[in-house]
PDB file of N, CA and C in Angstrom:
ATOM      1  N   MET A   1     -47.661 -70.138-236.637  1.00  0.00           N
ATOM      2  CA  MET A   1     -48.341 -69.978-238.098  1.00  0.00           C
ATOM      3  C   MET A   1     -47.676 -68.231-239.052  1.00  0.00           C
ATOM      4  N   SER A   2     -46.828 -68.725-239.714  1.00  0.00           N
ATOM      5  CA  SER A   2     -47.064 -67.199-241.588  1.00  0.00           C
ATOM      6  C   SER A   2     -48.220 -67.860-242.118  1.00  0.00           C
ATOM      7  N   SER A   3     -48.678 -67.120-242.898  1.00  0.00           N
ATOM      8  CA  SER A   3     -49.659 -67.301-244.057  1.00  0.00           C
ATOM      9  C   SER A   3     -48.566 -68.269-245.266  1.00  0.00           C
ATOM     10  N   LYS A   4     -47.910 -68.841-244.816  1.00  0.00           N
ATOM     11  CA  LYS A   4     -47.192 -68.871-245.682  1.00  0.00           C
ATOM     12  C   LYS A   4     -47.292 -70.719-245.842  1.00  0.00           C
ATOM     13  N   GLU A   5     -47.531 -70.257-244.246  1.00  0.00           N
ATOM     14  CA  GLU A   5     -48.106 -72.599-244.572  1.00  0.00           C
ATOM     15  C   GLU A   5     -49.255 -72.125-243.879  1.00  0.00           C
ATOM     16  N   ILE A   6     -50.123 -71.525-243.819  1.00  0.00           N
ATOM     17  CA  ILE A   6     -51.192 -71.838-244.014  1.00  0.00           C
ATOM     18  C   ILE A   6     -51.795 -72.395-245.502  1.00  0.00           C
ATOM     19  N   GLY A   7     -51.716 -71.094-245.994  1.00  0.00           N
ATOM     20  CA  GLY A   7     -51.455 -71.747-247.261  1.00  0.00           C
ATOM     21  C   GLY A   7     -51.180 -73.235-248.376  1.00  0.00           C
ATOM     22  N   LYS A   8     -50.269 -73.393-247.214  1.00  0.00           N
ATOM     23  CA  LYS A   8     -49.567 -74.684-247.789  1.00  0.00           C
ATOM     24  C   LYS A   8     -51.442 -76.027-247.254  1.00  0.00           C
ATOM     25  N   PHE A   9     -51.687 -76.228-246.192  1.00  0.00           N
ATOM     26  CA  PHE A   9     -52.725 -76.933-245.510  1.00  0.00           C
ATOM     27  C   PHE A   9     -54.468 -76.823-246.158  1.00  0.00           C
ATOM     28  N   LYS A  10     -53.837 -75.465-247.069  1.00  0.00           N
ATOM     29  CA  LYS A  10     -55.616 -75.264-247.885  1.00  0.00           C
ATOM     30  C   LYS A  10     -55.821 -75.786-248.943  1.00  0.00           C
ATOM     31  N   PRO A  11     -54.960 -76.939-249.403  1.00  0.00           N
ATOM     32  CA  PRO A  11     -55.695 -77.995-250.322  1.00  0.00           C
ATOM     33  C   PRO A  11     -56.111 -79.065-249.712  1.00  0.00           C
ATOM     34  N   VAL A  12     -55.209 -79.267-248.556  1.00  0.00           N
ATOM     35  CA  VAL A  12     -55.429 -80.656-248.117  1.00  0.00           C
ATOM     36  C   VAL A  12     -56.498 -80.725-247.128  1.00  0.00           C
ATOM     37  N   ILE A  13     -56.756 -79.168-246.767  1.00  0.00           N
ATOM     38  CA  ILE A  13     -58.647 -79.234-245.782  1.00  0.00           C
ATOM     39  C   ILE A  13     -59.446 -79.009-246.339  1.00  0.00           C
ATOM     40  N   SER A  14     -59.495 -78.254-248.312  1.00  0.00           N
ATOM     41  CA  SER A  14     -60.167 -77.959-248.825  1.00  0.00           C
ATOM     42  C   SER A  14     -60.590 -79.444-249.300  1.00  0.00           C
ATOM     43  N   VAL A  15     -59.719 -80.552-249.607  1.00  0.00           N
ATOM     44  CA  VAL A  15     -60.400 -82.010-250.054  1.00  0.00           C
ATOM     45  C   VAL A  15     -60.505 -82.764-248.834  1.00  0.00           C
ATOM     46  N   SER A  16     -60.380 -82.773-247.838  1.00  0.00           N
ATOM     47  CA  SER A  16     -60.677 -83.455-246.621  1.00  0.00           C
ATOM     48  C   SER A  16     -61.733 -83.002-246.573  1.00  0.00           C
ATOM     49  N   LEU A  17     -61.909 -81.390-246.678  1.00  0.00           N
ATOM     50  CA  LEU A  17     -63.749 -80.841-246.095  1.00  0.00           C
ATOM     51  C   LEU A  17     -65.023 -81.402-247.507  1.00  0.00           C
ATOM     52  N   ILE A  18     -64.070 -81.760-248.070  1.00  0.00           N
ATOM     53  CA  ILE A  18     -65.332 -82.221-249.556  1.00  0.00           C
ATOM     54  C   ILE A  18     -65.219 -84.027-249.494  1.00  0.00           C
ATOM     55  N   ILE A  19     -64.614 -84.490-249.423  1.00  0.00           N
ATOM     56  CA  ILE A  19     -64.678 -85.716-248.646  1.00  0.00           C
ATOM     57  C   ILE A  19     -66.120 -86.445-247.412  1.00  0.00           C
ATOM     58  N   LEU A  20     -64.689 -85.210-246.370  1.00  0.00           N
ATOM     59  CA  LEU A  20     -66.225 -85.251-245.008  1.00  0.00           C
ATOM     60  C   LEU A  20     -67.863 -85.786-245.994  1.00  0.00           C
ATOM     61  N   THR A  21     -67.843 -84.494-246.651  1.00  0.00           N
ATOM     62  CA  THR A  21     -68.954 -83.955-247.141  1.00  0.00           C
ATOM     63  C   THR A  21     -69.700 -84.856-248.079  1.00  0.00           C
ATOM     64  N   LEU A  22     -69.208 -86.010-249.610  1.00  0.00           N
ATOM     65  CA  LEU A  22     -69.557 -86.935-249.731  1.00  0.00           C
ATOM     66  C   LEU A  22     -69.557 -88.097-248.997  1.00  0.00           C
ATOM     67  N   PHE A  23     -68.580 -88.152-247.814  1.00  0.00           N
ATOM     68  CA  PHE A  23     -69.402 -89.691-247.382  1.00  0.00           C
ATOM     69  C   PHE A  23     -70.155 -89.114-246.241  1.00  0.00           C
ATOM     70  N   GLY A  24     -70.668 -88.188-245.971  1.00  0.00           N
ATOM     71  CA  GLY A  24     -71.970 -87.853-245.474  1.00  0.00           C
ATOM     72  C   GLY A  24     -73.202 -87.569-245.722  1.00  0.00           C
ATOM     73  N   VAL A  25     -72.865 -87.487-247.594  1.00  0.00           N
ATOM     74  CA  VAL A  25     -74.024 -87.091-248.533  1.00  0.00           C
ATOM     75  C   VAL A  25     -74.351 -88.697-248.391  1.00  0.00           C
ATOM     76  N   VAL A  26     -74.202 -89.440-248.920  1.00  0.00           N
ATOM     77  CA  VAL A  26     -73.341 -91.480-248.549  1.00  0.00           C
ATOM     78  C   VAL A  26     -74.044 -92.422-247.595  1.00  0.00           C
ATOM     79  N   PHE A  27     -73.590 -91.313-246.244  1.00  0.00           N
ATOM     80  CA  PHE A  27     -74.393 -91.759-245.893  1.00  0.00           C
ATOM     81  C   PHE A  27     -76.291 -91.588-245.810  1.00  0.00           C
ATOM     82  N   LEU A  28     -76.596 -90.220-245.589  1.00  0.00           N
ATOM     83  CA  LEU A  28     -77.610 -90.004-245.348  1.00  0.00           C
ATOM     84  C   LEU A  28     -78.922 -90.754-246.594  1.00  0.00           C
ATOM     85  N   GLN A  29     -77.950 -90.664-247.366  1.00  0.00           N
ATOM     86  CA  GLN A  29     -78.230 -91.879-248.538  1.00  0.00           C
ATOM     87  C   GLN A  29     -79.162 -92.771-248.360  1.00  0.00           C
ATOM     88  N   MET A  30     -77.845 -93.855-247.703  1.00  0.00           N
ATOM     89  CA  MET A  30     -78.324 -95.422-247.444  1.00  0.00           C
ATOM     90  C   MET A  30     -79.258 -95.177-246.423  1.00  0.00           C
ATOM     91  N   GLU A  31     -78.734 -94.501-244.982  1.00  0.00           N
ATOM     92  CA  GLU A  31     -79.562 -94.422-244.269  1.00  0.00           C
ATOM     93  C   GLU A  31     -81.462 -93.832-244.718  1.00  0.00           C
ATOM     94  N   GLU A  32     -81.683 -93.213-245.711  1.00  0.00           N
ATOM     95  CA  GLU A  32     -83.192 -93.123-246.072  1.00  0.00           C
ATOM     96  C   GLU A  32     -83.822 -94.034-246.916  1.00  0.00           C
ATOM     97  N   ARG A  33     -82.743 -95.190-247.242  1.00  0.00           N
ATOM     98  CA  ARG A  33     -83.128 -95.850-247.582  1.00  0.00           C
ATOM     99  C   ARG A  33     -82.981 -97.375-247.385  1.00  0.00           C
ATOM    100  N   ARG A  34     -82.500 -97.805-246.120  1.00  0.00           N
ATOM    101  CA  ARG A  34     -82.478 -98.239-244.595  1.00  0.00           C
ATOM    102  C   ARG A  34     -84.324 -97.829-244.359  1.00  0.00           C
ATOM    103  N   LEU A  35     -84.058 -96.552-243.774  1.00  0.00           N
ATOM    104  CA  LEU A  35     -85.813 -96.762-243.499  1.00  0.00           C
ATOM    105  C   LEU A  35     -86.467 -96.774-244.206  1.00  0.00           C
ATOM    106  N   GLY A  36     -86.753 -96.191-245.344  1.00  0.00           N
ATOM    107  CA  GLY A  36     -87.614 -97.216-246.380  1.00  0.00           C
ATOM    108  C   GLY A  36     -87.956 -98.240-246.416  1.00  0.00           C
ATOM    109  N   TYR A  37     -86.783 -99.035-245.845  1.00  0.00           N
ATOM    110  CA  TYR A  37     -86.913-100.658-246.413  1.00  0.00           C
ATOM    111  C   TYR A  37     -87.713-101.027-245.485  1.00  0.00           C
ATOM    112  N   VAL A  38     -87.980-100.371-244.042  1.00  0.00           N
ATOM    113  CA  VAL A  38     -88.959-100.283-242.394  1.00  0.00           C
ATOM    114  C   VAL A  38     -90.213-100.176-242.915  1.00  0.00           C
ATOM    115  N   LEU A  39     -90.224 -99.261-243.861  1.00  0.00           N
ATOM    116  CA  LEU A  39     -91.161 -98.402-243.459  1.00  0.00           C
ATOM    117  C   LEU A  39     -92.153 -99.688-244.275  1.00  0.00           C
ATOM    118  N   LEU A  40     -91.548 -99.757-245.585  1.00  0.00           N
ATOM    119  CA  LEU A  40     -92.310-100.827-246.585  1.00  0.00           C
ATOM    120  C   LEU A  40     -92.055-102.898-245.808  1.00  0.00           C
ATOM    121  N   LYS A  41     -91.853-102.707-244.471  1.00  0.00           N
ATOM    122  CA  LYS A  41     -92.287-103.575-243.974  1.00  0.00           C
ATOM    123  C   LYS A  41     -92.882-103.013-242.920  1.00  0.00           C
ATOM    124  N   VAL A  42     -93.055-102.187-242.122  1.00  0.00           N
ATOM    125  CA  VAL A  42     -94.344-102.275-241.419  1.00  0.00           C
ATOM    126  C   VAL A  42     -95.103-102.408-242.298  1.00  0.00           C
ATOM    127  N   THR A  43     -95.519-101.557-243.116  1.00  0.00           N
ATOM    128  CA  THR A  43     -96.879-101.071-243.873  1.00  0.00           C
ATOM    129  C   THR A  43     -96.815-102.582-244.848  1.00  0.00           C
ATOM    130  N   ARG A  44     -96.232-103.397-244.285  1.00  0.00           N
ATOM    131  CA  ARG A  44     -96.488-104.946-244.126  1.00  0.00           C
ATOM    132  C   ARG A  44     -97.527-105.410-243.793  1.00  0.00           C
ATOM    133  N   GLU A  45     -97.297-105.532-242.512  1.00  0.00           N
ATOM    134  CA  GLU A  45     -97.481-105.819-241.542  1.00  0.00           C
ATOM    135  C   GLU A  45     -98.291-105.478-241.311  1.00  0.00           C
ATOM    136  N   TYR A  46     -98.391-104.169-241.056  1.00  0.00           N
ATOM    137  CA  TYR A  46    -100.222-103.611-241.025  1.00  0.00           C
ATOM    138  C   TYR A  46    -100.838-104.212-241.710  1.00  0.00           C
ATOM    139  N   ARG A  47    -100.911-104.191-243.191  1.00  0.00           N
ATOM    140  CA  ARG A  47    -102.072-104.582-243.539  1.00  0.00           C
ATOM    141  C   ARG A  47    -102.193-106.792-243.625  1.00  0.00           C
ATOM    142  N   GLN A  48    -101.262-107.202-242.892  1.00  0.00           N
ATOM    143  CA  GLN A  48    -101.539-108.292-242.106  1.00  0.00           C
ATOM    144  C   GLN A  48    -101.929-107.723-241.544  1.00  0.00           C
ATOM    145  N   VAL A  49    -102.397-107.253-240.392  1.00  0.00           N
ATOM    146  CA  VAL A  49    -102.430-107.126-239.349  1.00  0.00           C
ATOM    147  C   VAL A  49    -104.414-107.034-239.347  1.00  0.00           C
ATOM    148  N   LEU A  50    -104.655-105.661-239.878  1.00  0.00           N
ATOM    149  CA  LEU A  50    -106.039-105.178-240.521  1.00  0.00           C
ATOM    150  C   LEU A  50    -106.417-106.629-241.618  1.00  0.00           C
ATOM    151  N   GLU A  51    -106.152-107.854-241.979  1.00  0.00           N
ATOM    152  CA  GLU A  51    -106.841-108.350-243.219  1.00  0.00           C
ATOM    153  C   GLU A  51    -107.273-109.280-241.830  1.00  0.00           C
ATOM    154  N   SER A  52    -106.407-109.345-241.137  1.00  0.00           N
ATOM    155  CA  SER A  52    -105.994-110.336-239.902  1.00  0.00           C
ATOM    156  C   SER A  52    -108.003-110.317-238.842  1.00  0.00           C
ATOM    157  N   LYS A  53    -107.505-108.979-238.495  1.00  0.00           N
ATOM    158  CA  LYS A  53    -109.355-107.970-237.489  1.00  0.00           C
ATOM    159  C   LYS A  53    -110.138-108.694-238.626  1.00  0.00           C
ATOM    160  N   LYS A  54    -109.777-108.420-239.824  1.00  0.00           N
ATOM    161  CA  LYS A  54    -111.050-108.409-240.326  1.00  0.00           C
ATOM    162  C   LYS A  54    -112.163-110.060-240.451  1.00  0.00           C
ATOM    163  N   ASN A  55    -110.692-110.710-241.289  1.00  0.00           N
ATOM    164  CA  ASN A  55    -110.905-112.396-240.838  1.00  0.00           C
ATOM    165  C   ASN A  55    -111.925-112.138-239.409  1.00  0.00           C
ATOM    166  N   LYS A  56    -111.804-112.056-238.104  1.00  0.00           N
ATOM    167  CA  LYS A  56    -111.619-112.673-237.314  1.00  0.00           C
ATOM    168  C   LYS A  56    -113.428-111.963-237.418  1.00  0.00           C
ATOM    169  N   GLU A  57    -113.408-110.500-237.631  1.00  0.00           N
ATOM    170  CA  GLU A  57    -114.368-110.036-237.101  1.00  0.00           C
ATOM    171  C   GLU A  57    -116.039-110.815-238.371  1.00  0.00           C
ATOM    172  N   ILE A  58    -115.510-111.432-239.251  1.00  0.00           N
ATOM    173  CA  ILE A  58    -116.214-111.820-240.749  1.00  0.00           C
ATOM    174  C   ILE A  58    -117.001-113.649-239.415  1.00  0.00           C
ATOM    175  N   GLN A  59    -115.558-114.128-239.356  1.00  0.00           N
ATOM    176  CA  GLN A  59    -115.592-115.360-237.540  1.00  0.00           C
ATOM    177  C   GLN A  59    -116.578-114.403-236.960  1.00  0.00           C
ATOM    178  N   LEU A  60    -116.538-113.851-236.111  1.00  0.00           N
ATOM    179  CA  LEU A  60    -117.589-113.432-235.474  1.00  0.00           C
ATOM    180  C   LEU A  60    -118.844-113.493-235.946  1.00  0.00           C
ATOM    181  N   ALA A  61    -119.231-112.223-236.819  1.00  0.00           N
ATOM    182  CA  ALA A  61    -120.142-112.002-237.096  1.00  0.00           C
ATOM    183  C   ALA A  61    -120.714-113.828-237.648  1.00  0.00           C
ATOM    184  N   LYS A  62    -120.071-114.632-238.345  1.00  0.00           N
ATOM    185  CA  LYS A  62    -120.827-115.921-238.493  1.00  0.00           C
ATOM    186  C   LYS A  62    -121.225-116.500-237.089  1.00  0.00           C
ATOM    187  N   ALA A  63    -120.430-116.244-236.728  1.00  0.00           N
ATOM    188  CA  ALA A  63    -120.329-117.423-235.676  1.00  0.00           C
ATOM    189  C   ALA A  63    -121.778-116.667-234.031  1.00  0.00           C
ATOM    190  N   THR A  64    -122.128-115.334-235.016  1.00  0.00           N
ATOM    191  CA  THR A  64    -123.409-114.843-233.902  1.00  0.00           C
ATOM    192  C   THR A  64    -124.361-114.533-234.629  1.00  0.00           C
ATOM    193  N   ARG A  65    -124.654-115.210-235.807  1.00  0.00           N
ATOM    194  CA  ARG A  65    -125.733-115.108-235.984  1.00  0.00           C
ATOM    195  C   ARG A  65    -126.217-115.891-235.384  1.00  0.00           C
ATOM    196  N   PRO A  66    -127.640-115.539-235.578  1.00  0.00           N
ATOM    197  CA  PRO A  66    -128.851-116.266-234.266  1.00  0.00           C
ATOM    198  C   PRO A  66    -129.569-117.469-235.107  1.00  0.00           C
ATOM    199  N   GLN A  67    -129.664-117.555-236.308  1.00  0.00           N
ATOM    200  CA  GLN A  67    -129.099-119.292-236.623  1.00  0.00           C
ATOM    201  C   GLN A  67    -128.626-120.464-236.218  1.00  0.00           C
ATOM    202  N   TRP A  68    -127.110-119.568-236.354  1.00  0.00           N
ATOM    203  CA  TRP A  68    -126.372-120.742-236.270  1.00  0.00           C
ATOM    204  C   TRP A  68    -125.786-121.167-234.885  1.00  0.00           C
ATOM    205  N   VAL A  69    -126.584-120.282-233.479  1.00  0.00           N
ATOM    206  CA  VAL A  69    -126.739-119.940-232.420  1.00  0.00           C
ATOM    207  C   VAL A  69    -127.482-121.204-232.152  1.00  0.00           C
ATOM    208  N   GLU A  70    -128.402-120.446-232.738  1.00  0.00           N
ATOM    209  CA  GLU A  70    -130.470-122.097-232.311  1.00  0.00           C
ATOM    210  C   GLU A  70    -129.481-122.515-232.751  1.00  0.00           C
ATOM    211  N   LYS A  71    -129.074-123.477-233.994  1.00  0.00           N
ATOM    212  CA  LYS A  71    -128.920-124.807-234.204  1.00  0.00           C
ATOM    213  C   LYS A  71    -127.414-125.525-234.253  1.00  0.00           C
ATOM    214  N   MET A  72    -126.624-125.417-232.897  1.00  0.00           N
ATOM    215  CA  MET A  72    -125.440-125.058-232.509  1.00  0.00           C
ATOM    216  C   MET A  72    -126.485-125.558-230.568  1.00  0.00           C
ATOM    217  N   ALA A  73    -126.841-124.812-230.513  1.00  0.00           N
ATOM    218  CA  ALA A  73    -127.801-124.975-229.308  1.00  0.00           C
ATOM    219  C   ALA A  73    -128.598-126.760-229.280  1.00  0.00           C
ATOM    220  N   SER A  74    -128.995-126.191-230.479  1.00  0.00           N
ATOM    221  CA  SER A  74    -130.518-127.759-230.622  1.00  0.00           C
ATOM    222  C   SER A  74    -129.694-128.055-230.684  1.00  0.00           C
ATOM    223  N   ALA A  75    -128.098-128.620-231.528  1.00  0.00           N
ATOM    224  CA  ALA A  75    -127.521-129.697-231.386  1.00  0.00           C
ATOM    225  C   ALA A  75    -126.508-130.169-231.094  1.00  0.00           C
ATOM    226  N   ARG A  76    -126.048-129.401-230.181  1.00  0.00           N
ATOM    227  CA  ARG A  76    -125.242-129.584-228.710  1.00  0.00           C
ATOM    228  C   ARG A  76    -125.353-129.555-227.501  1.00  0.00           C
ATOM    229  N   PHE A  77    -126.293-129.562-227.298  1.00  0.00           N
ATOM    230  CA  PHE A  77    -126.613-128.787-225.904  1.00  0.00           C
ATOM    231  C   PHE A  77    -128.337-129.397-225.724  1.00  0.00           C
ATOM    232  N   THR A  78    -129.053-130.055-226.591  1.00  0.00           N
ATOM    233  CA  THR A  78    -130.407-130.355-227.274  1.00  0.00           C
ATOM    234  C   THR A  78    -131.544-129.318-226.156  1.00  0.00           C
ATOM    235  N   LEU A  79    -131.439-128.179-226.557  1.00  0.00           N
ATOM    236  CA  LEU A  79    -131.610-127.296-226.481  1.00  0.00           C
ATOM    237  C   LEU A  79    -133.242-127.209-227.280  1.00  0.00           C
ATOM    238  N   LYS A  80    -134.137-126.342-227.085  1.00  0.00           N
ATOM    239  CA  LYS A  80    -135.154-126.578-227.264  1.00  0.00           C
ATOM    240  C   LYS A  80    -135.619-124.662-227.746  1.00  0.00           C
ATOM    241  N   LYS A  81    -136.854-124.621-228.886  1.00  0.00           N
ATOM    242  CA  LYS A  81    -137.335-122.963-228.517  1.00  0.00           C
ATOM    243  C   LYS A  81    -138.022-123.292-227.745  1.00  0.00           C
ATOM    244  N   ALA A  82    -137.925-122.188-226.359  1.00  0.00           N
ATOM    245  CA  ALA A  82    -139.699-121.975-226.060  1.00  0.00           C
ATOM    246  C   ALA A  82    -140.755-121.825-226.433  1.00  0.00           C
ATOM    247  N   GLN A  83    -141.247-122.070-226.164  1.00  0.00           N
ATOM    248  CA  GLN A  83    -142.998-121.975-226.206  1.00  0.00           C
ATOM    249  C   GLN A  83    -144.010-120.206-225.434  1.00  0.00           C
ATOM    250  N   ALA A  84    -144.579-120.528-225.439  1.00  0.00           N
ATOM    251  CA  ALA A  84    -144.679-119.269-225.841  1.00  0.00           C
ATOM    252  C   ALA A  84    -145.635-118.773-224.359  1.00  0.00           C
ATOM    253  N   SER A  85    -145.910-120.583-223.924  1.00  0.00           N
ATOM    254  CA  SER A  85    -146.546-121.107-222.716  1.00  0.00           C
ATOM    255  C   SER A  85    -145.533-121.259-221.768  1.00  0.00           C
ATOM    256  N   GLN A  86    -144.263-121.226-221.320  1.00  0.00           N
ATOM    257  CA  GLN A  86    -143.049-121.605-221.095  1.00  0.00           C
ATOM    258  C   GLN A  86    -142.458-119.848-221.321  1.00  0.00           C
ATOM    259  N   ILE A  87    -142.879-119.071-220.888  1.00  0.00           N
ATOM    260  CA  ILE A  87    -142.103-117.509-221.006  1.00  0.00           C
ATOM    261  C   ILE A  87    -142.915-117.070-220.311  1.00  0.00           C
ATOM    262  N   ILE A  88    -142.320-115.988-219.231  1.00  0.00           N
ATOM    263  CA  ILE A  88    -142.454-116.111-217.610  1.00  0.00           C
ATOM    264  C   ILE A  88    -142.340-114.591-217.720  1.00  0.00           C
ATOM    265  N   LEU A  89    -143.281-113.790-217.772  1.00  0.00           N
ATOM    266  CA  LEU A  89    -142.798-111.938-217.934  1.00  0.00           C
ATOM    267  C   LEU A  89    -143.053-111.214-216.867  1.00  0.00           C
ATOM    268  N   LEU A  90    -141.441-110.576-215.634  1.00  0.00           N
ATOM    269  CA  LEU A  90    -141.292-109.608-215.323  1.00  0.00           C
ATOM    270  C   LEU A  90    -141.317-108.435-215.150  1.00  0.00           C
ATOM    271  N   PRO A  91    -142.321-107.359-214.204  1.00  0.00           N
ATOM    272  CA  PRO A  91    -142.930-106.278-214.059  1.00  0.00           C
ATOM    273  C   PRO A  91    -141.103-105.759-213.719  1.00  0.00           C
ATOM    274  N   ASN A  92    -140.501-104.738-214.647  1.00  0.00           N
ATOM    275  CA  ASN A  92    -139.863-103.853-214.708  1.00  0.00           C
ATOM    276  C   ASN A  92    -139.824-102.665-213.246  1.00  0.00           C
ATOM    277  N   PRO A  93    -139.139-102.714-212.363  1.00  0.00           N
ATOM    278  CA  PRO A  93    -138.537-102.591-211.451  1.00  0.00           C
ATOM    279  C   PRO A  93    -138.935-101.019-211.626  1.00  0.00           C
ATOM    280  N   VAL A  94    -137.727-100.317-212.064  1.00  0.00           N
ATOM    281  CA  VAL A  94    -137.909 -99.279-212.575  1.00  0.00           C
ATOM    282  C   VAL A  94    -139.190 -98.138-213.449  1.00  0.00           C
ATOM    283  N   GLU A  95    -139.913 -99.322-214.009  1.00  0.00           N
ATOM    284  CA  GLU A  95    -141.348 -98.889-214.426  1.00  0.00           C
ATOM    285  C   GLU A  95    -142.865 -98.801-212.648  1.00  0.00           C
ATOM    286  N   GLU A  96    -142.006 -99.409-211.414  1.00  0.00           N
ATOM    287  CA  GLU A  96    -142.961 -99.924-210.932  1.00  0.00           C
ATOM    288  C   GLU A  96    -142.879 -99.113-209.837  1.00  0.00           C
ATOM    289  N   SER A  97    -141.390 -98.638-209.827  1.00  0.00           N
ATOM    290  CA  SER A  97    -141.213 -97.263-208.645  1.00  0.00           C
ATOM    291  C   SER A  97    -141.815 -96.111-209.256  1.00  0.00           C
ATOM    292  N   ARG A  98    -141.852 -96.029-210.626  1.00  0.00           N
ATOM    293  CA  ARG A  98    -142.659 -94.656-211.124  1.00  0.00           C
ATOM    294  C   ARG A  98    -144.074 -94.175-210.937  1.00  0.00           C
ATOM    295  N   ARG A  99    -144.671 -95.360-210.734  1.00  0.00           N
ATOM    296  CA  ARG A  99    -146.176 -95.735-210.294  1.00  0.00           C
ATOM    297  C   ARG A  99    -146.957 -95.067-209.247  1.00  0.00           C
TER     298      ARG A  99
END
């Protein structure tokens, strides 16, 4: 090919390069927007999980309160509070071996 024939293709090549560049820019912008939406969705899910965890921790704290446990023990299982005479103190085997 001579330089005259190459000179005829230069405008076509430059226009094609510009069009490809513009398509690339548009694609990257669309991908950036899509990733932004994905990030927003994941952030919302994360907040919901944190809120759920917080609620479960509150429920656990309420369920393990000594007053609530004692109330359930007396209401459901008819258990009574131990009297001082009913408590048996056992010696600690670790302390016994040290003596």
